[in-house]
Amino acid sequence: MKKFLFVLATISVFALEKAEAQENVSFGPIVGVNFSKLTGNTIYNDWKTGPTLGLFINYSGESRFGINGQLLYSRIGGESS
């Protein structure tokens, strides 16, 4: 997890520098929550919540061409304890 946060911070720093140099670059956070549940022949079928975190970067050129990139961490699964 520490490695993921380091990579995310490094990319955001480079994106900030790039955004100042060009007006057609945008970036921002992705934040959300996952709710998952096991179904089927399970005795315990409790809901499990998890975070969704990430960063998106958009670049659009003057000729209607663009590139979009995303880094996303999403915790999924269910509990059967």
C-alpha atoms as a PDB file:
ATOM      1  CA  MET A   1       0.000   0.000   0.000  1.00  0.00           C
ATOM      2  CA  LYS A   2       2.884   2.369   0.759  1.00  0.00           C
ATOM      3  CA  LYS A   3       4.325   1.690  -2.694  1.00  0.00           C
ATOM      4  CA  PHE A   4       0.949   2.472  -4.317  1.00  0.00           C
ATOM      5  CA  LEU A   5       0.641   5.777  -2.454  1.00  0.00           C
ATOM      6  CA  PHE A   6       4.204   6.723  -3.402  1.00  0.00           C
ATOM      7  CA  VAL A   7       3.521   6.054  -7.093  1.00  0.00           C
ATOM      8  CA  LEU A   8       0.241   7.984  -6.906  1.00  0.00           C
ATOM      9  CA  ALA A   9       1.953  10.983  -5.275  1.00  0.00           C
ATOM     10  CA  THR A  10       4.784  10.937  -7.824  1.00  0.00           C
ATOM     11  CA  ILE A  11       2.403  10.880 -10.768  1.00  0.00           C
ATOM     12  CA  SER A  12       0.315  13.701  -9.330  1.00  0.00           C
ATOM     13  CA  VAL A  13       3.421  15.889  -8.916  1.00  0.00           C
ATOM     14  CA  PHE A  14       4.365  15.348 -12.560  1.00  0.00           C
ATOM     15  CA  ALA A  15       0.766  16.011 -13.609  1.00  0.00           C
ATOM     16  CA  LEU A  16       0.776  19.318 -11.715  1.00  0.00           C
ATOM     17  CA  GLU A  17       3.921  20.447 -13.507  1.00  0.00           C
ATOM     18  CA  LYS A  18       2.498  19.416 -16.877  1.00  0.00           C
ATOM     19  CA  ALA A  19      -0.843  21.130 -16.184  1.00  0.00           C
ATOM     20  CA  GLU A  20       0.873  24.463 -15.625  1.00  0.00           C
ATOM     21  CA  ALA A  21       2.707  24.230 -18.942  1.00  0.00           C
ATOM     22  CA  GLN A  22      -0.338  23.279 -21.053  1.00  0.00           C
ATOM     23  CA  GLU A  23      -3.920  24.406 -20.721  1.00  0.00           C
ATOM     24  CA  ASN A  24      -5.442  21.258 -22.223  1.00  0.00           C
ATOM     25  CA  VAL A  25      -4.357  18.830 -19.475  1.00  0.00           C
ATOM     26  CA  SER A  26      -6.704  18.065 -16.601  1.00  0.00           C
ATOM     27  CA  PHE A  27      -6.494  15.684 -13.673  1.00  0.00           C
ATOM     28  CA  GLY A  28      -8.371  14.866 -10.516  1.00  0.00           C
ATOM     29  CA  PRO A  29      -9.162  12.303  -7.852  1.00  0.00           C
ATOM     30  CA  ILE A  30     -11.457   9.296  -8.077  1.00  0.00           C
ATOM     31  CA  VAL A  31     -13.095   8.475  -4.736  1.00  0.00           C
ATOM     32  CA  GLY A  32     -15.852   6.004  -3.976  1.00  0.00           C
ATOM     33  CA  VAL A  33     -17.129   3.110  -1.885  1.00  0.00           C
ATOM     34  CA  ASN A  34     -17.772  -0.528  -2.850  1.00  0.00           C
ATOM     35  CA  PHE A  35     -20.459  -2.673  -1.254  1.00  0.00           C
ATOM     36  CA  SER A  36     -20.156  -6.406  -1.917  1.00  0.00           C
ATOM     37  CA  LYS A  37     -21.904  -9.503  -0.660  1.00  0.00           C
ATOM     38  CA  LEU A  38     -21.372 -13.238  -1.151  1.00  0.00           C
ATOM     39  CA  THR A  39     -24.359 -15.129  -2.496  1.00  0.00           C
ATOM     40  CA  GLY A  40     -25.123 -18.788  -2.974  1.00  0.00           C
ATOM     41  CA  ASN A  41     -24.861 -21.607  -0.442  1.00  0.00           C
ATOM     42  CA  THR A  42     -22.983 -19.641   2.219  1.00  0.00           C
ATOM     43  CA  ILE A  43     -23.888 -19.584   5.884  1.00  0.00           C
ATOM     44  CA  TYR A  44     -22.533 -16.085   6.463  1.00  0.00           C
ATOM     45  CA  ASN A  45     -23.494 -13.566   3.822  1.00  0.00           C
ATOM     46  CA  ASP A  46     -22.622 -10.222   5.407  1.00  0.00           C
ATOM     47  CA  TRP A  47     -22.011  -7.063   3.419  1.00  0.00           C
ATOM     48  CA  LYS A  48     -18.397  -5.917   3.087  1.00  0.00           C
ATOM     49  CA  THR A  49     -17.500  -2.319   2.294  1.00  0.00           C
ATOM     50  CA  GLY A  50     -14.265  -1.160   0.753  1.00  0.00           C
ATOM     51  CA  PRO A  51     -12.728   2.020  -0.635  1.00  0.00           C
ATOM     52  CA  THR A  52     -12.169   2.996  -4.248  1.00  0.00           C
ATOM     53  CA  LEU A  53      -9.313   5.473  -4.708  1.00  0.00           C
ATOM     54  CA  GLY A  54      -7.530   6.724  -7.771  1.00  0.00           C
ATOM     55  CA  LEU A  55      -6.379   9.479 -10.068  1.00  0.00           C
ATOM     56  CA  PHE A  56      -7.368  10.388 -13.626  1.00  0.00           C
ATOM     57  CA  ILE A  57      -5.426  12.420 -16.178  1.00  0.00           C
ATOM     58  CA  ASN A  58      -6.914  13.771 -19.421  1.00  0.00           C
ATOM     59  CA  TYR A  59      -5.000  15.300 -22.327  1.00  0.00           C
ATOM     60  CA  SER A  60      -6.833  16.735 -25.309  1.00  0.00           C
ATOM     61  CA  GLY A  61      -5.056  18.108 -28.336  1.00  0.00           C
ATOM     62  CA  GLU A  62      -6.190  20.876 -30.618  1.00  0.00           C
ATOM     63  CA  SER A  63      -7.135  18.416 -33.373  1.00  0.00           C
ATOM     64  CA  ARG A  64      -9.964  16.731 -31.383  1.00  0.00           C
ATOM     65  CA  PHE A  65      -7.649  13.942 -30.253  1.00  0.00           C
ATOM     66  CA  GLY A  66      -7.330  13.027 -26.603  1.00  0.00           C
ATOM     67  CA  ILE A  67      -5.777  10.541 -24.221  1.00  0.00           C
ATOM     68  CA  ASN A  68      -7.188   9.503 -20.859  1.00  0.00           C
ATOM     69  CA  GLY A  69      -5.308   7.591 -18.159  1.00  0.00           C
ATOM     70  CA  GLN A  70      -6.449   6.293 -14.787  1.00  0.00           C
ATOM     71  CA  LEU A  71      -4.925   4.603 -11.767  1.00  0.00           C
ATOM     72  CA  LEU A  72      -7.506   2.877  -9.616  1.00  0.00           C
ATOM     73  CA  TYR A  73      -7.405   0.909  -6.357  1.00  0.00           C
ATOM     74  CA  SER A  74     -10.613  -0.916  -5.511  1.00  0.00           C
ATOM     75  CA  ARG A  75     -11.134  -3.321  -2.621  1.00  0.00           C
ATOM     76  CA  ILE A  76     -13.629  -6.029  -3.552  1.00  0.00           C
ATOM     77  CA  GLY A  77     -14.858  -9.341  -2.182  1.00  0.00           C
ATOM     78  CA  GLY A  78     -17.081 -10.618   0.564  1.00  0.00           C
ATOM     79  CA  GLU A  79     -16.786 -11.926   4.091  1.00  0.00           C
ATOM     80  CA  SER A  80     -17.640 -15.460   5.072  1.00  0.00           C
ATOM     81  CA  SER A  81     -16.351 -15.659   8.638  1.00  0.00           C
END
